[in-house]
């Protein structure tokens, strides 16, 4: 089992910045990757960024490339999402999730509670 706790959401004007944090605990050695997802009202949940545990490599959604940066502090078991040049369309609930092994099965099965990000125009 992996537990995830997010923090750092809030209200910001367009063009501003926010940093989200996600602290992981529990069976962290089972984690293959940590990702940030978001879900806006009436829309499907989408992956924003992910970082792989083994080598720290990253992937980003095209909509956030060049504006968002995912990073980690392994000593603190924490992953961050630095969001710059925010746009109103970035408004959503942001979730941290862990792609972790349960036996030989691996999936994004562990989720945080979500944190609201609202970008005003």
C-alpha atoms as a PDB file:
ATOM      1  CA  UNK A   1       0.000   0.000   0.000  1.00  0.00           C
ATOM      2  CA  UNK A   2       1.098   3.530  -0.788  1.00  0.00           C
ATOM      3  CA  UNK A   3      -0.351   6.641   0.808  1.00  0.00           C
ATOM      4  CA  UNK A   4      -0.197  10.011  -0.909  1.00  0.00           C
ATOM      5  CA  UNK A   5      -0.907  13.458   0.516  1.00  0.00           C
ATOM      6  CA  UNK A   6      -1.036  16.504  -1.750  1.00  0.00           C
ATOM      7  CA  UNK A   7      -0.709  20.144  -0.835  1.00  0.00           C
ATOM      8  CA  UNK A   8      -0.164  23.479  -2.504  1.00  0.00           C
ATOM      9  CA  UNK A   9      -3.290  24.195  -4.518  1.00  0.00           C
ATOM     10  CA  UNK A  10      -5.069  27.511  -4.504  1.00  0.00           C
ATOM     11  CA  UNK A  11      -6.264  30.500  -6.488  1.00  0.00           C
ATOM     12  CA  UNK A  12      -3.888  32.342  -8.789  1.00  0.00           C
ATOM     13  CA  UNK A  13      -4.203  34.844 -11.603  1.00  0.00           C
ATOM     14  CA  UNK A  14      -3.417  33.893 -15.172  1.00  0.00           C
ATOM     15  CA  UNK A  15       0.318  34.026 -15.759  1.00  0.00           C
ATOM     16  CA  UNK A  16       1.076  33.172 -12.158  1.00  0.00           C
ATOM     17  CA  UNK A  17       2.728  30.162 -10.589  1.00  0.00           C
ATOM     18  CA  UNK A  18       1.929  27.474  -8.050  1.00  0.00           C
ATOM     19  CA  UNK A  19       3.854  24.519  -6.719  1.00  0.00           C
ATOM     20  CA  UNK A  20       2.090  21.328  -5.720  1.00  0.00           C
ATOM     21  CA  UNK A  21       3.650  18.792  -3.374  1.00  0.00           C
ATOM     22  CA  UNK A  22       2.910  15.110  -2.934  1.00  0.00           C
ATOM     23  CA  UNK A  23       4.323  13.214   0.018  1.00  0.00           C
ATOM     24  CA  UNK A  24       4.433   9.443  -0.340  1.00  0.00           C
ATOM     25  CA  UNK A  25       4.522   6.939   2.489  1.00  0.00           C
ATOM     26  CA  UNK A  26       3.989   3.222   3.023  1.00  0.00           C
ATOM     27  CA  UNK A  27       5.510   0.729   0.595  1.00  0.00           C
ATOM     28  CA  UNK A  28       7.437   3.313  -1.409  1.00  0.00           C
ATOM     29  CA  UNK A  29       9.827   0.690  -2.797  1.00  0.00           C
ATOM     30  CA  UNK A  30       6.932  -0.686  -4.837  1.00  0.00           C
ATOM     31  CA  UNK A  31       6.581   2.577  -6.744  1.00  0.00           C
ATOM     32  CA  UNK A  32       7.404   2.467 -10.450  1.00  0.00           C
ATOM     33  CA  UNK A  33       6.337   6.018 -11.210  1.00  0.00           C
ATOM     34  CA  UNK A  34       4.562   8.968  -9.638  1.00  0.00           C
ATOM     35  CA  UNK A  35       2.225  11.086 -11.678  1.00  0.00           C
ATOM     36  CA  UNK A  36       0.167  14.223 -11.503  1.00  0.00           C
ATOM     37  CA  UNK A  37      -3.291  14.061 -13.015  1.00  0.00           C
ATOM     38  CA  UNK A  38      -6.031  16.650 -13.256  1.00  0.00           C
ATOM     39  CA  UNK A  39      -9.758  16.672 -13.759  1.00  0.00           C
ATOM     40  CA  UNK A  40     -11.743  19.723 -14.746  1.00  0.00           C
ATOM     41  CA  UNK A  41     -15.535  19.877 -14.365  1.00  0.00           C
ATOM     42  CA  UNK A  42     -17.240  17.877 -17.082  1.00  0.00           C
ATOM     43  CA  UNK A  43     -13.966  16.521 -18.432  1.00  0.00           C
ATOM     44  CA  UNK A  44     -12.109  13.265 -18.143  1.00  0.00           C
ATOM     45  CA  UNK A  45      -9.139  12.919 -15.842  1.00  0.00           C
ATOM     46  CA  UNK A  46      -5.892  13.401 -17.742  1.00  0.00           C
ATOM     47  CA  UNK A  47      -2.258  12.803 -16.951  1.00  0.00           C
ATOM     48  CA  UNK A  48      -0.255  16.010 -16.665  1.00  0.00           C
ATOM     49  CA  UNK A  49       3.204  14.678 -15.873  1.00  0.00           C
ATOM     50  CA  UNK A  50       4.946  11.634 -14.497  1.00  0.00           C
ATOM     51  CA  UNK A  51       8.364  10.816 -13.129  1.00  0.00           C
ATOM     52  CA  UNK A  52       9.904   7.354 -13.059  1.00  0.00           C
ATOM     53  CA  UNK A  53      11.383   6.087  -9.821  1.00  0.00           C
ATOM     54  CA  UNK A  54      14.339   4.207 -11.302  1.00  0.00           C
ATOM     55  CA  UNK A  55      16.010   7.018 -13.222  1.00  0.00           C
ATOM     56  CA  UNK A  56      13.974  10.179 -12.655  1.00  0.00           C
ATOM     57  CA  UNK A  57      12.973  10.458 -16.302  1.00  0.00           C
ATOM     58  CA  UNK A  58       9.824  12.435 -16.987  1.00  0.00           C
ATOM     59  CA  UNK A  59       6.871  12.694 -19.365  1.00  0.00           C
ATOM     60  CA  UNK A  60       4.517  15.620 -19.887  1.00  0.00           C
ATOM     61  CA  UNK A  61       1.200  16.246 -21.561  1.00  0.00           C
ATOM     62  CA  UNK A  62       1.590  18.456 -24.621  1.00  0.00           C
ATOM     63  CA  UNK A  63      -0.671  21.063 -23.036  1.00  0.00           C
ATOM     64  CA  UNK A  64       1.789  21.736 -20.205  1.00  0.00           C
ATOM     65  CA  UNK A  65       5.183  21.195 -21.824  1.00  0.00           C
ATOM     66  CA  UNK A  66       7.466  24.139 -21.208  1.00  0.00           C
ATOM     67  CA  UNK A  67       5.253  25.455 -18.393  1.00  0.00           C
ATOM     68  CA  UNK A  68       5.099  22.657 -15.809  1.00  0.00           C
ATOM     69  CA  UNK A  69       7.997  20.788 -14.252  1.00  0.00           C
ATOM     70  CA  UNK A  70       7.769  17.588 -12.218  1.00  0.00           C
ATOM     71  CA  UNK A  71      10.602  16.850  -9.816  1.00  0.00           C
ATOM     72  CA  UNK A  72      11.341  14.786  -6.759  1.00  0.00           C
ATOM     73  CA  UNK A  73      13.166  14.885  -3.473  1.00  0.00           C
ATOM     74  CA  UNK A  74      14.000  11.250  -2.807  1.00  0.00           C
ATOM     75  CA  UNK A  75      15.174  11.951   0.740  1.00  0.00           C
ATOM     76  CA  UNK A  76      11.711  13.319   1.566  1.00  0.00           C
ATOM     77  CA  UNK A  77       9.754  10.860  -0.602  1.00  0.00           C
ATOM     78  CA  UNK A  78       8.096  13.881  -2.124  1.00  0.00           C
ATOM     79  CA  UNK A  79       7.227  14.808  -5.693  1.00  0.00           C
ATOM     80  CA  UNK A  80       6.572  18.346  -6.827  1.00  0.00           C
ATOM     81  CA  UNK A  81       4.744  19.942  -9.717  1.00  0.00           C
ATOM     82  CA  UNK A  82       5.957  23.444 -10.446  1.00  0.00           C
ATOM     83  CA  UNK A  83       3.344  25.198 -12.567  1.00  0.00           C
ATOM     84  CA  UNK A  84       4.318  28.424 -14.317  1.00  0.00           C
ATOM     85  CA  UNK A  85       2.523  30.638 -16.813  1.00  0.00           C
ATOM     86  CA  UNK A  86      -0.790  29.282 -15.601  1.00  0.00           C
ATOM     87  CA  UNK A  87      -3.847  29.625 -17.817  1.00  0.00           C
ATOM     88  CA  UNK A  88      -7.550  29.550 -16.944  1.00  0.00           C
ATOM     89  CA  UNK A  89      -7.782  26.197 -18.744  1.00  0.00           C
ATOM     90  CA  UNK A  90      -5.396  24.743 -16.141  1.00  0.00           C
ATOM     91  CA  UNK A  91      -8.189  25.057 -13.576  1.00  0.00           C
ATOM     92  CA  UNK A  92      -8.921  21.590 -12.196  1.00  0.00           C
ATOM     93  CA  UNK A  93      -8.576  19.299  -9.241  1.00  0.00           C
ATOM     94  CA  UNK A  94      -5.038  17.973  -9.322  1.00  0.00           C
ATOM     95  CA  UNK A  95      -4.285  14.482  -8.059  1.00  0.00           C
ATOM     96  CA  UNK A  96      -1.050  12.763  -7.238  1.00  0.00           C
ATOM     97  CA  UNK A  97      -0.981   9.060  -8.051  1.00  0.00           C
ATOM     98  CA  UNK A  98       1.442   6.175  -7.698  1.00  0.00           C
ATOM     99  CA  UNK A  99       2.023   3.510 -10.324  1.00  0.00           C
ATOM    100  CA  UNK A 100       3.099   0.762  -7.965  1.00  0.00           C
ATOM    101  CA  UNK A 101       3.539  -2.994  -7.929  1.00  0.00           C
ATOM    102  CA  UNK A 102       1.175  -5.274  -6.093  1.00  0.00           C
ATOM    103  CA  UNK A 103       2.865  -8.605  -6.644  1.00  0.00           C
ATOM    104  CA  UNK A 104       3.591  -8.675 -10.368  1.00  0.00           C
ATOM    105  CA  UNK A 105       0.676  -6.375 -11.203  1.00  0.00           C
ATOM    106  CA  UNK A 106       1.382  -2.683 -11.668  1.00  0.00           C
ATOM    107  CA  UNK A 107      -1.034   0.194 -12.177  1.00  0.00           C
ATOM    108  CA  UNK A 108      -1.933   3.697 -11.028  1.00  0.00           C
ATOM    109  CA  UNK A 109      -3.935   2.269  -8.138  1.00  0.00           C
ATOM    110  CA  UNK A 110      -2.950   4.679  -5.377  1.00  0.00           C
ATOM    111  CA  UNK A 111      -4.327   8.201  -5.323  1.00  0.00           C
ATOM    112  CA  UNK A 112      -4.172  11.252  -3.146  1.00  0.00           C
ATOM    113  CA  UNK A 113      -7.207  13.235  -2.071  1.00  0.00           C
ATOM    114  CA  UNK A 114      -6.770  15.940  -4.696  1.00  0.00           C
ATOM    115  CA  UNK A 115      -6.089  19.644  -4.452  1.00  0.00           C
ATOM    116  CA  UNK A 116      -7.996  22.415  -6.231  1.00  0.00           C
ATOM    117  CA  UNK A 117      -6.148  24.750  -8.579  1.00  0.00           C
ATOM    118  CA  UNK A 118      -8.115  27.720  -9.862  1.00  0.00           C
ATOM    119  CA  UNK A 119      -6.667  30.158 -12.387  1.00  0.00           C
ATOM    120  CA  UNK A 120      -8.567  33.392 -12.838  1.00  0.00           C
ATOM    121  CA  UNK A 121      -8.457  35.377 -16.071  1.00  0.00           C
END
